[in-house]
C-alpha atoms as a PDB file:
ATOM      1  CA  UNK A   1      -0.355 -27.213   6.034  1.00  0.00           C
ATOM      2  CA  UNK A   2      -0.750 -25.988   2.484  1.00  0.00           C
ATOM      3  CA  UNK A   3      -3.008 -22.924   2.353  1.00  0.00           C
ATOM      4  CA  UNK A   4      -4.053 -23.674  -1.240  1.00  0.00           C
ATOM      5  CA  UNK A   5      -5.283 -27.135  -0.285  1.00  0.00           C
ATOM      6  CA  UNK A   6      -7.128 -25.659   2.698  1.00  0.00           C
ATOM      7  CA  UNK A   7      -8.739 -23.036   0.449  1.00  0.00           C
ATOM      8  CA  UNK A   8      -9.897 -25.709  -2.006  1.00  0.00           C
ATOM      9  CA  UNK A   9     -11.228 -27.847   0.854  1.00  0.00           C
ATOM     10  CA  UNK A  10     -13.121 -24.870   2.286  1.00  0.00           C
ATOM     11  CA  UNK A  11     -14.623 -23.997  -1.091  1.00  0.00           C
ATOM     12  CA  UNK A  12     -15.704 -27.604  -1.528  1.00  0.00           C
ATOM     13  CA  UNK A  13     -17.255 -27.818   1.966  1.00  0.00           C
ATOM     14  CA  UNK A  14     -19.033 -24.477   1.619  1.00  0.00           C
ATOM     15  CA  UNK A  15     -20.384 -25.398  -1.837  1.00  0.00           C
ATOM     16  CA  UNK A  16     -21.810 -28.657  -0.483  1.00  0.00           C
ATOM     17  CA  UNK A  17     -23.419 -26.825   2.431  1.00  0.00           C
ATOM     18  CA  UNK A  18     -24.805 -24.113   0.168  1.00  0.00           C
ATOM     19  CA  UNK A  19     -26.294 -26.705  -2.207  1.00  0.00           C
ATOM     20  CA  UNK A  20     -27.975 -28.411   0.745  1.00  0.00           C
ATOM     21  CA  UNK A  21     -29.254 -25.107   2.112  1.00  0.00           C
ATOM     22  CA  UNK A  22     -27.138 -25.317   5.257  1.00  0.00           C
ATOM     23  CA  UNK A  23     -25.164 -22.451   6.713  1.00  0.00           C
ATOM     24  CA  UNK A  24     -21.626 -23.196   7.849  1.00  0.00           C
ATOM     25  CA  UNK A  25     -19.964 -21.244  10.626  1.00  0.00           C
ATOM     26  CA  UNK A  26     -16.367 -20.962  11.673  1.00  0.00           C
ATOM     27  CA  UNK A  27     -17.063 -23.415  14.485  1.00  0.00           C
ATOM     28  CA  UNK A  28     -18.665 -26.051  12.243  1.00  0.00           C
ATOM     29  CA  UNK A  29     -15.774 -25.793   9.764  1.00  0.00           C
ATOM     30  CA  UNK A  30     -13.230 -26.196  12.571  1.00  0.00           C
ATOM     31  CA  UNK A  31     -15.029 -29.312  13.810  1.00  0.00           C
ATOM     32  CA  UNK A  32     -15.600 -30.791  10.357  1.00  0.00           C
ATOM     33  CA  UNK A  33     -12.088 -30.250   8.993  1.00  0.00           C
ATOM     34  CA  UNK A  34     -10.148 -30.642  12.278  1.00  0.00           C
ATOM     35  CA  UNK A  35      -8.054 -27.589  11.450  1.00  0.00           C
ATOM     36  CA  UNK A  36      -7.003 -24.775  13.760  1.00  0.00           C
ATOM     37  CA  UNK A  37      -9.462 -21.895  13.960  1.00  0.00           C
ATOM     38  CA  UNK A  38      -6.697 -19.427  13.107  1.00  0.00           C
ATOM     39  CA  UNK A  39      -5.846 -21.226   9.849  1.00  0.00           C
ATOM     40  CA  UNK A  40      -9.467 -21.413   8.739  1.00  0.00           C
ATOM     41  CA  UNK A  41     -10.117 -17.781   9.648  1.00  0.00           C
ATOM     42  CA  UNK A  42      -7.078 -16.528   7.731  1.00  0.00           C
ATOM     43  CA  UNK A  43      -7.971 -18.618   4.672  1.00  0.00           C
ATOM     44  CA  UNK A  44     -11.574 -17.384   4.763  1.00  0.00           C
ATOM     45  CA  UNK A  45     -10.229 -13.825   4.886  1.00  0.00           C
ATOM     46  CA  UNK A  46      -8.115 -14.480   1.786  1.00  0.00           C
ATOM     47  CA  UNK A  47     -11.107 -16.008  -0.045  1.00  0.00           C
ATOM     48  CA  UNK A  48     -13.182 -12.964   0.935  1.00  0.00           C
ATOM     49  CA  UNK A  49     -10.474 -10.642  -0.389  1.00  0.00           C
ATOM     50  CA  UNK A  50     -10.408 -12.553  -3.671  1.00  0.00           C
ATOM     51  CA  UNK A  51     -14.166 -12.152  -4.041  1.00  0.00           C
ATOM     52  CA  UNK A  52     -15.025 -15.837  -3.659  1.00  0.00           C
ATOM     53  CA  UNK A  53     -16.774 -15.612  -0.302  1.00  0.00           C
ATOM     54  CA  UNK A  54     -18.960 -13.160   1.561  1.00  0.00           C
ATOM     55  CA  UNK A  55     -17.452 -13.802   4.974  1.00  0.00           C
ATOM     56  CA  UNK A  56     -20.121 -11.813   6.838  1.00  0.00           C
ATOM     57  CA  UNK A  57     -22.870 -14.098   5.530  1.00  0.00           C
ATOM     58  CA  UNK A  58     -20.607 -17.154   5.084  1.00  0.00           C
ATOM     59  CA  UNK A  59     -21.986 -17.586   1.566  1.00  0.00           C
ATOM     60  CA  UNK A  60     -19.960 -18.229  -1.561  1.00  0.00           C
ATOM     61  CA  UNK A  61     -20.138 -15.707  -4.374  1.00  0.00           C
ATOM     62  CA  UNK A  62     -20.901 -16.908  -7.883  1.00  0.00           C
ATOM     63  CA  UNK A  63     -17.229 -17.474  -8.701  1.00  0.00           C
ATOM     64  CA  UNK A  64     -16.586 -19.198  -5.370  1.00  0.00           C
ATOM     65  CA  UNK A  65     -19.642 -21.383  -5.802  1.00  0.00           C
ATOM     66  CA  UNK A  66     -18.580 -22.334  -9.337  1.00  0.00           C
ATOM     67  CA  UNK A  67     -15.118 -23.379  -8.176  1.00  0.00           C
ATOM     68  CA  UNK A  68     -16.453 -25.147  -5.083  1.00  0.00           C
ATOM     69  CA  UNK A  69     -19.073 -26.991  -7.124  1.00  0.00           C
ATOM     70  CA  UNK A  70     -16.411 -28.140  -9.579  1.00  0.00           C
ATOM     71  CA  UNK A  71     -14.492 -29.610  -6.637  1.00  0.00           C
ATOM     72  CA  UNK A  72     -17.457 -31.603  -5.323  1.00  0.00           C
ATOM     73  CA  UNK A  73     -16.740 -35.277  -5.782  1.00  0.00           C
ATOM     74  CA  UNK A  74     -13.045 -34.645  -6.354  1.00  0.00           C
ATOM     75  CA  UNK A  75     -10.532 -36.185  -3.987  1.00  0.00           C
ATOM     76  CA  UNK A  76      -8.411 -33.386  -2.617  1.00  0.00           C
ATOM     77  CA  UNK A  77      -4.955 -33.906  -1.117  1.00  0.00           C
ATOM     78  CA  UNK A  78      -4.783 -34.419   2.637  1.00  0.00           C
ATOM     79  CA  UNK A  79      -4.646 -31.252   4.706  1.00  0.00           C
ATOM     80  CA  UNK A  80      -1.783 -32.655   6.759  1.00  0.00           C
ATOM     81  CA  UNK A  81       1.066 -34.875   5.696  1.00  0.00           C
ATOM     82  CA  UNK A  82       0.840 -38.433   6.962  1.00  0.00           C
ATOM     83  CA  UNK A  83       3.138 -39.062   9.917  1.00  0.00           C
ATOM     84  CA  UNK A  84       6.335 -40.794   8.971  1.00  0.00           C
ATOM     85  CA  UNK A  85       7.227 -44.036  10.646  1.00  0.00           C
ATOM     86  CA  UNK A  86      10.032 -43.653  13.115  1.00  0.00           C
ATOM     87  CA  UNK A  87      13.179 -45.428  12.059  1.00  0.00           C
ATOM     88  CA  UNK A  88      15.441 -47.051  14.588  1.00  0.00           C
ATOM     89  CA  UNK A  89      18.948 -45.673  14.697  1.00  0.00           C
ATOM     90  CA  UNK A  90      21.604 -48.342  14.606  1.00  0.00           C
END
């Protein structure tokens, strides 16, 4: 899983929730994105360290909200690679 794609997906999801006045939690993000809790938590920690997210309040900062809002409506790459079809060995 690409951490940059996960970060963009989290910013997008949090911006949508913030626009709608909803609060997202770690649990709701895990359920919504179907990603391991550990991966989401570590990415949220990185976003907090970069000043894009207040992880204690689960609210985007101005810069995080601006980036997340710009991503709304954009189609982001899949979080996981599509499974490859098994090929029969001859």
